[in-house]
Amino acid sequence: MAAEHARHAMAGGGQLMIASEAAFDGQPVATHVKVSVRDTGVGMEQDDLAKIFEPYFSTRATGTGLGLTIAKRNVELNGGTIGVTSQRGQGTTVTITLPARQSADEPAANG
């Protein structure tokens, strides 16, 4: 979803950067995973940014305005958070943080 929005924000070209990192919070295994999607598009006005997760809100002429609302719900249902920062003329960053899930082969972090 974030990459699709970035593509529309950079219709004249730009850069899309996707990064991920694990947070350990003092534990031997990762406790959270953070994924960031950043673009060098047109950015958003702060008034629009405050409404970005509201149902049916969109800054585009097409679409339903439900994509980020649904994304937020799904991220939160999985114990995570999603946030958007933006600066007009410099681009937008969407950051999703989710709890890390251990594989069945890994011992539990709490013993």
N, C-alpha and C. Protein backbone atom coordinates (compact mmCIF):
# COMPACT_ATOMS: atom_id res chain seq x y z
N MET A 1 0.82 -1.19 0.00
CA MET A 1 0.00 0.00 0.00
C MET A 1 0.87 1.25 0.00
N ALA A 2 1.85 1.31 0.89
CA ALA A 2 2.70 2.49 0.98
C ALA A 2 3.47 2.69 -0.31
N ALA A 3 3.95 1.61 -0.91
CA ALA A 3 4.71 1.74 -2.15
C ALA A 3 3.82 2.25 -3.28
N GLU A 4 2.56 1.83 -3.31
CA GLU A 4 1.64 2.32 -4.33
C GLU A 4 1.39 3.81 -4.17
N HIS A 5 1.19 4.25 -2.93
CA HIS A 5 1.01 5.69 -2.69
C HIS A 5 2.26 6.46 -3.08
N ALA A 6 3.42 5.91 -2.79
CA ALA A 6 4.67 6.57 -3.15
C ALA A 6 4.79 6.72 -4.66
N ARG A 7 4.41 5.70 -5.39
CA ARG A 7 4.48 5.76 -6.86
C ARG A 7 3.62 6.89 -7.39
N HIS A 8 2.43 7.07 -6.84
CA HIS A 8 1.56 8.16 -7.28
C HIS A 8 2.12 9.52 -6.88
N ALA A 9 2.78 9.60 -5.74
CA ALA A 9 3.34 10.87 -5.27
C ALA A 9 4.57 11.27 -6.08
N MET A 10 5.16 10.32 -6.80
CA MET A 10 6.36 10.60 -7.58
C MET A 10 6.12 10.38 -9.06
N ALA A 11 4.98 10.84 -9.56
CA ALA A 11 4.63 10.62 -10.96
C ALA A 11 5.70 11.14 -11.91
N GLY A 12 6.41 12.20 -11.52
CA GLY A 12 7.46 12.77 -12.36
C GLY A 12 8.82 12.18 -12.10
N GLY A 13 8.91 11.16 -11.27
CA GLY A 13 10.18 10.54 -10.93
C GLY A 13 10.54 10.79 -9.48
N GLY A 14 11.49 10.06 -8.99
CA GLY A 14 11.92 10.20 -7.61
C GLY A 14 12.52 8.91 -7.13
N GLN A 15 12.72 8.81 -5.83
CA GLN A 15 13.30 7.61 -5.24
C GLN A 15 12.34 7.01 -4.23
N LEU A 16 12.31 5.69 -4.21
CA LEU A 16 11.54 4.94 -3.24
C LEU A 16 12.52 4.05 -2.48
N MET A 17 12.56 4.22 -1.17
CA MET A 17 13.48 3.45 -0.35
C MET A 17 12.68 2.62 0.65
N ILE A 18 13.03 1.35 0.74
CA ILE A 18 12.39 0.44 1.69
C ILE A 18 13.48 -0.12 2.58
N ALA A 19 13.28 0.00 3.89
CA ALA A 19 14.27 -0.48 4.85
C ALA A 19 13.57 -1.29 5.93
N SER A 20 14.31 -2.23 6.50
CA SER A 20 13.77 -3.00 7.63
C SER A 20 14.87 -3.15 8.67
N GLU A 21 14.44 -3.29 9.89
CA GLU A 21 15.39 -3.51 10.98
C GLU A 21 14.70 -4.26 12.10
N ALA A 22 15.50 -5.00 12.85
CA ALA A 22 14.99 -5.74 14.00
C ALA A 22 15.38 -4.99 15.27
N ALA A 23 14.47 -4.97 16.22
CA ALA A 23 14.74 -4.38 17.53
C ALA A 23 14.82 -5.50 18.54
N PHE A 24 15.82 -5.46 19.39
CA PHE A 24 16.04 -6.54 20.35
C PHE A 24 15.63 -6.18 21.77
N ASP A 25 15.55 -4.92 22.09
CA ASP A 25 15.10 -4.46 23.41
C ASP A 25 15.76 -5.24 24.55
N GLY A 26 17.07 -5.49 24.42
CA GLY A 26 17.81 -6.19 25.48
C GLY A 26 17.61 -7.69 25.50
N GLN A 27 16.88 -8.24 24.55
CA GLN A 27 16.61 -9.69 24.50
C GLN A 27 17.59 -10.36 23.53
N PRO A 28 17.80 -11.67 23.65
CA PRO A 28 18.71 -12.36 22.74
C PRO A 28 18.13 -12.56 21.34
N VAL A 29 16.82 -12.46 21.22
CA VAL A 29 16.17 -12.55 19.90
C VAL A 29 15.36 -11.28 19.67
N ALA A 30 15.07 -11.00 18.41
CA ALA A 30 14.33 -9.79 18.06
C ALA A 30 12.95 -9.79 18.71
N THR A 31 12.56 -8.63 19.22
CA THR A 31 11.24 -8.48 19.81
C THR A 31 10.28 -7.78 18.85
N HIS A 32 10.82 -6.93 17.99
CA HIS A 32 10.00 -6.20 17.01
C HIS A 32 10.75 -6.08 15.69
N VAL A 33 9.98 -5.91 14.64
CA VAL A 33 10.54 -5.65 13.32
C VAL A 33 9.92 -4.36 12.81
N LYS A 34 10.77 -3.48 12.28
CA LYS A 34 10.28 -2.21 11.75
C LYS A 34 10.58 -2.14 10.25
N VAL A 35 9.56 -1.77 9.48
CA VAL A 35 9.70 -1.60 8.04
C VAL A 35 9.32 -0.16 7.73
N SER A 36 10.19 0.51 6.99
CA SER A 36 9.93 1.90 6.58
C SER A 36 9.92 1.99 5.07
N VAL A 37 8.95 2.72 4.54
CA VAL A 37 8.86 2.99 3.11
C VAL A 37 8.92 4.51 2.97
N ARG A 38 9.96 5.00 2.29
CA ARG A 38 10.16 6.44 2.17
C ARG A 38 10.23 6.82 0.70
N ASP A 39 9.57 7.91 0.36
CA ASP A 39 9.63 8.40 -1.02
C ASP A 39 10.11 9.84 -1.04
N THR A 40 10.53 10.27 -2.21
CA THR A 40 10.95 11.66 -2.41
C THR A 40 9.90 12.41 -3.22
N GLY A 41 8.65 12.05 -2.98
CA GLY A 41 7.53 12.66 -3.71
C GLY A 41 7.19 14.05 -3.21
N VAL A 42 5.98 14.47 -3.51
CA VAL A 42 5.54 15.84 -3.23
C VAL A 42 5.29 16.10 -1.75
N GLY A 43 5.17 15.05 -0.94
CA GLY A 43 4.87 15.23 0.47
C GLY A 43 3.41 15.61 0.68
N MET A 44 3.05 15.79 1.93
CA MET A 44 1.65 16.09 2.27
C MET A 44 1.58 17.31 3.17
N GLU A 45 0.46 18.00 3.08
CA GLU A 45 0.18 19.09 4.00
C GLU A 45 -0.12 18.49 5.37
N GLN A 46 0.21 19.20 6.43
CA GLN A 46 0.00 18.69 7.79
C GLN A 46 -1.49 18.45 8.09
N ASP A 47 -2.39 19.26 7.53
CA ASP A 47 -3.82 19.03 7.73
C ASP A 47 -4.25 17.69 7.14
N ASP A 48 -3.72 17.36 5.96
CA ASP A 48 -4.04 16.08 5.33
C ASP A 48 -3.41 14.93 6.11
N LEU A 49 -2.21 15.13 6.58
CA LEU A 49 -1.50 14.09 7.33
C LEU A 49 -2.28 13.70 8.59
N ALA A 50 -2.93 14.66 9.21
CA ALA A 50 -3.71 14.38 10.43
C ALA A 50 -4.92 13.49 10.15
N LYS A 51 -5.36 13.42 8.90
CA LYS A 51 -6.55 12.64 8.53
C LYS A 51 -6.22 11.38 7.75
N ILE A 52 -4.95 11.07 7.60
CA ILE A 52 -4.52 10.03 6.68
C ILE A 52 -5.14 8.65 6.95
N PHE A 53 -5.46 8.33 8.18
CA PHE A 53 -6.03 7.01 8.50
C PHE A 53 -7.55 7.02 8.62
N GLU A 54 -8.19 8.15 8.36
CA GLU A 54 -9.65 8.23 8.43
C GLU A 54 -10.27 7.55 7.21
N PRO A 55 -11.36 6.79 7.43
CA PRO A 55 -12.03 6.15 6.30
C PRO A 55 -12.50 7.16 5.27
N TYR A 56 -12.31 6.82 4.01
CA TYR A 56 -12.76 7.60 2.85
C TYR A 56 -11.98 8.89 2.62
N PHE A 57 -10.91 9.12 3.40
CA PHE A 57 -10.09 10.30 3.15
C PHE A 57 -9.03 9.95 2.11
N SER A 58 -8.87 10.80 1.12
CA SER A 58 -7.86 10.59 0.10
C SER A 58 -7.40 11.94 -0.44
N THR A 59 -6.14 12.01 -0.82
CA THR A 59 -5.62 13.20 -1.49
C THR A 59 -5.58 12.98 -2.99
N ARG A 60 -6.02 11.81 -3.44
CA ARG A 60 -6.01 11.48 -4.87
C ARG A 60 -7.44 11.51 -5.42
N ALA A 61 -7.53 11.66 -6.71
CA ALA A 61 -8.84 11.72 -7.37
C ALA A 61 -9.46 10.33 -7.52
N THR A 62 -8.64 9.29 -7.49
CA THR A 62 -9.16 7.93 -7.65
C THR A 62 -8.97 7.15 -6.35
N GLY A 63 -9.68 6.04 -6.24
CA GLY A 63 -9.56 5.19 -5.06
C GLY A 63 -10.68 5.47 -4.07
N THR A 64 -10.77 4.60 -3.08
CA THR A 64 -11.86 4.69 -2.10
C THR A 64 -11.47 5.44 -0.83
N GLY A 65 -10.17 5.61 -0.61
CA GLY A 65 -9.74 6.22 0.64
C GLY A 65 -9.80 5.26 1.81
N LEU A 66 -9.79 3.97 1.51
CA LEU A 66 -9.86 2.96 2.57
C LEU A 66 -8.55 2.21 2.78
N GLY A 67 -7.61 2.32 1.86
CA GLY A 67 -6.39 1.53 1.91
C GLY A 67 -5.61 1.68 3.20
N LEU A 68 -5.31 2.91 3.60
CA LEU A 68 -4.52 3.11 4.81
C LEU A 68 -5.35 2.84 6.07
N THR A 69 -6.65 3.03 5.99
CA THR A 69 -7.53 2.68 7.12
C THR A 69 -7.47 1.18 7.37
N ILE A 70 -7.56 0.41 6.30
CA ILE A 70 -7.51 -1.05 6.41
C ILE A 70 -6.12 -1.51 6.85
N ALA A 71 -5.08 -0.89 6.29
CA ALA A 71 -3.71 -1.24 6.68
C ALA A 71 -3.50 -1.00 8.17
N LYS A 72 -3.97 0.14 8.67
CA LYS A 72 -3.82 0.46 10.09
C LYS A 72 -4.54 -0.58 10.95
N ARG A 73 -5.75 -0.92 10.57
CA ARG A 73 -6.50 -1.92 11.33
C ARG A 73 -5.76 -3.25 11.36
N ASN A 74 -5.26 -3.70 10.22
CA ASN A 74 -4.57 -4.98 10.15
C ASN A 74 -3.27 -4.98 10.95
N VAL A 75 -2.53 -3.89 10.87
CA VAL A 75 -1.29 -3.79 11.64
C VAL A 75 -1.60 -3.83 13.14
N GLU A 76 -2.59 -3.07 13.57
CA GLU A 76 -2.95 -3.03 14.99
C GLU A 76 -3.51 -4.36 15.48
N LEU A 77 -4.28 -5.06 14.63
CA LEU A 77 -4.80 -6.38 15.01
C LEU A 77 -3.66 -7.38 15.24
N ASN A 78 -2.52 -7.13 14.65
CA ASN A 78 -1.36 -8.00 14.81
C ASN A 78 -0.38 -7.46 15.85
N GLY A 79 -0.84 -6.51 16.67
CA GLY A 79 -0.03 -6.01 17.77
C GLY A 79 1.00 -4.96 17.38
N GLY A 80 0.85 -4.37 16.22
CA GLY A 80 1.83 -3.41 15.75
C GLY A 80 1.32 -1.99 15.69
N THR A 81 2.16 -1.13 15.16
CA THR A 81 1.80 0.27 14.97
C THR A 81 2.18 0.69 13.56
N ILE A 82 1.50 1.72 13.06
CA ILE A 82 1.82 2.30 11.77
C ILE A 82 1.76 3.81 11.93
N GLY A 83 2.70 4.48 11.32
CA GLY A 83 2.74 5.93 11.40
C GLY A 83 3.21 6.52 10.09
N VAL A 84 2.83 7.75 9.85
CA VAL A 84 3.22 8.45 8.63
C VAL A 84 3.79 9.81 9.00
N THR A 85 4.94 10.13 8.45
CA THR A 85 5.51 11.47 8.57
C THR A 85 5.69 12.00 7.17
N SER A 86 5.56 13.31 7.01
CA SER A 86 5.67 13.89 5.69
C SER A 86 6.05 15.36 5.79
N GLN A 87 6.77 15.80 4.78
CA GLN A 87 7.10 17.21 4.68
C GLN A 87 6.87 17.63 3.24
N ARG A 88 6.08 18.67 3.08
CA ARG A 88 5.73 19.15 1.74
C ARG A 88 7.00 19.44 0.94
N GLY A 89 7.06 18.90 -0.26
CA GLY A 89 8.19 19.10 -1.15
C GLY A 89 9.38 18.19 -0.89
N GLN A 90 9.32 17.37 0.16
CA GLN A 90 10.46 16.51 0.46
C GLN A 90 10.12 15.02 0.53
N GLY A 91 8.85 14.69 0.66
CA GLY A 91 8.49 13.29 0.65
C GLY A 91 7.77 12.83 1.90
N THR A 92 7.49 11.53 1.91
CA THR A 92 6.69 10.91 2.97
C THR A 92 7.34 9.60 3.39
N THR A 93 7.20 9.28 4.68
CA THR A 93 7.70 8.01 5.20
C THR A 93 6.57 7.31 5.95
N VAL A 94 6.33 6.06 5.61
CA VAL A 94 5.38 5.21 6.34
C VAL A 94 6.22 4.19 7.11
N THR A 95 5.98 4.09 8.41
CA THR A 95 6.73 3.16 9.26
C THR A 95 5.77 2.20 9.93
N ILE A 96 6.03 0.92 9.76
CA ILE A 96 5.23 -0.13 10.38
C ILE A 96 6.12 -0.90 11.34
N THR A 97 5.68 -1.05 12.57
CA THR A 97 6.40 -1.85 13.56
C THR A 97 5.49 -2.99 14.01
N LEU A 98 6.03 -4.19 13.95
CA LEU A 98 5.27 -5.39 14.32
C LEU A 98 6.08 -6.23 15.31
N PRO A 99 5.39 -6.96 16.19
CA PRO A 99 6.11 -7.87 17.07
C PRO A 99 6.80 -8.94 16.23
N ALA A 100 8.02 -9.28 16.61
CA ALA A 100 8.74 -10.34 15.91
C ALA A 100 8.16 -11.68 16.32
N ARG A 101 8.08 -12.56 15.40
CA ARG A 101 7.56 -13.89 15.68
C ARG A 101 8.69 -14.89 15.57
N GLN A 102 8.84 -15.71 16.55
CA GLN A 102 9.90 -16.71 16.54
C GLN A 102 9.47 -17.90 15.71
N SER A 103 10.44 -18.51 15.07
CA SER A 103 10.15 -19.74 14.34
C SER A 103 10.03 -20.88 15.34
N ALA A 104 9.47 -21.98 14.93
CA ALA A 104 9.28 -23.13 15.81
C ALA A 104 10.62 -23.70 16.25
N ASP A 105 11.71 -23.45 15.50
CA ASP A 105 13.02 -23.98 15.85
C ASP A 105 13.74 -23.17 16.92
N GLU A 106 13.29 -21.94 17.19
CA GLU A 106 13.96 -21.07 18.14
C GLU A 106 13.41 -21.29 19.54
N PRO A 107 14.28 -21.23 20.55
CA PRO A 107 13.78 -21.32 21.92
C PRO A 107 13.06 -20.03 22.29
N ALA A 108 12.12 -20.10 23.19
CA ALA A 108 11.39 -18.92 23.63
C ALA A 108 12.35 -17.96 24.30
N ALA A 109 12.14 -16.64 24.08
CA ALA A 109 13.02 -15.62 24.62
C ALA A 109 12.94 -15.56 26.14
N ASN A 110 11.80 -15.94 26.70
CA ASN A 110 11.64 -15.84 28.16
C ASN A 110 11.96 -17.16 28.86
N GLY A 111 12.58 -18.08 28.14
CA GLY A 111 13.07 -19.27 28.80
C GLY A 111 12.26 -20.45 28.54
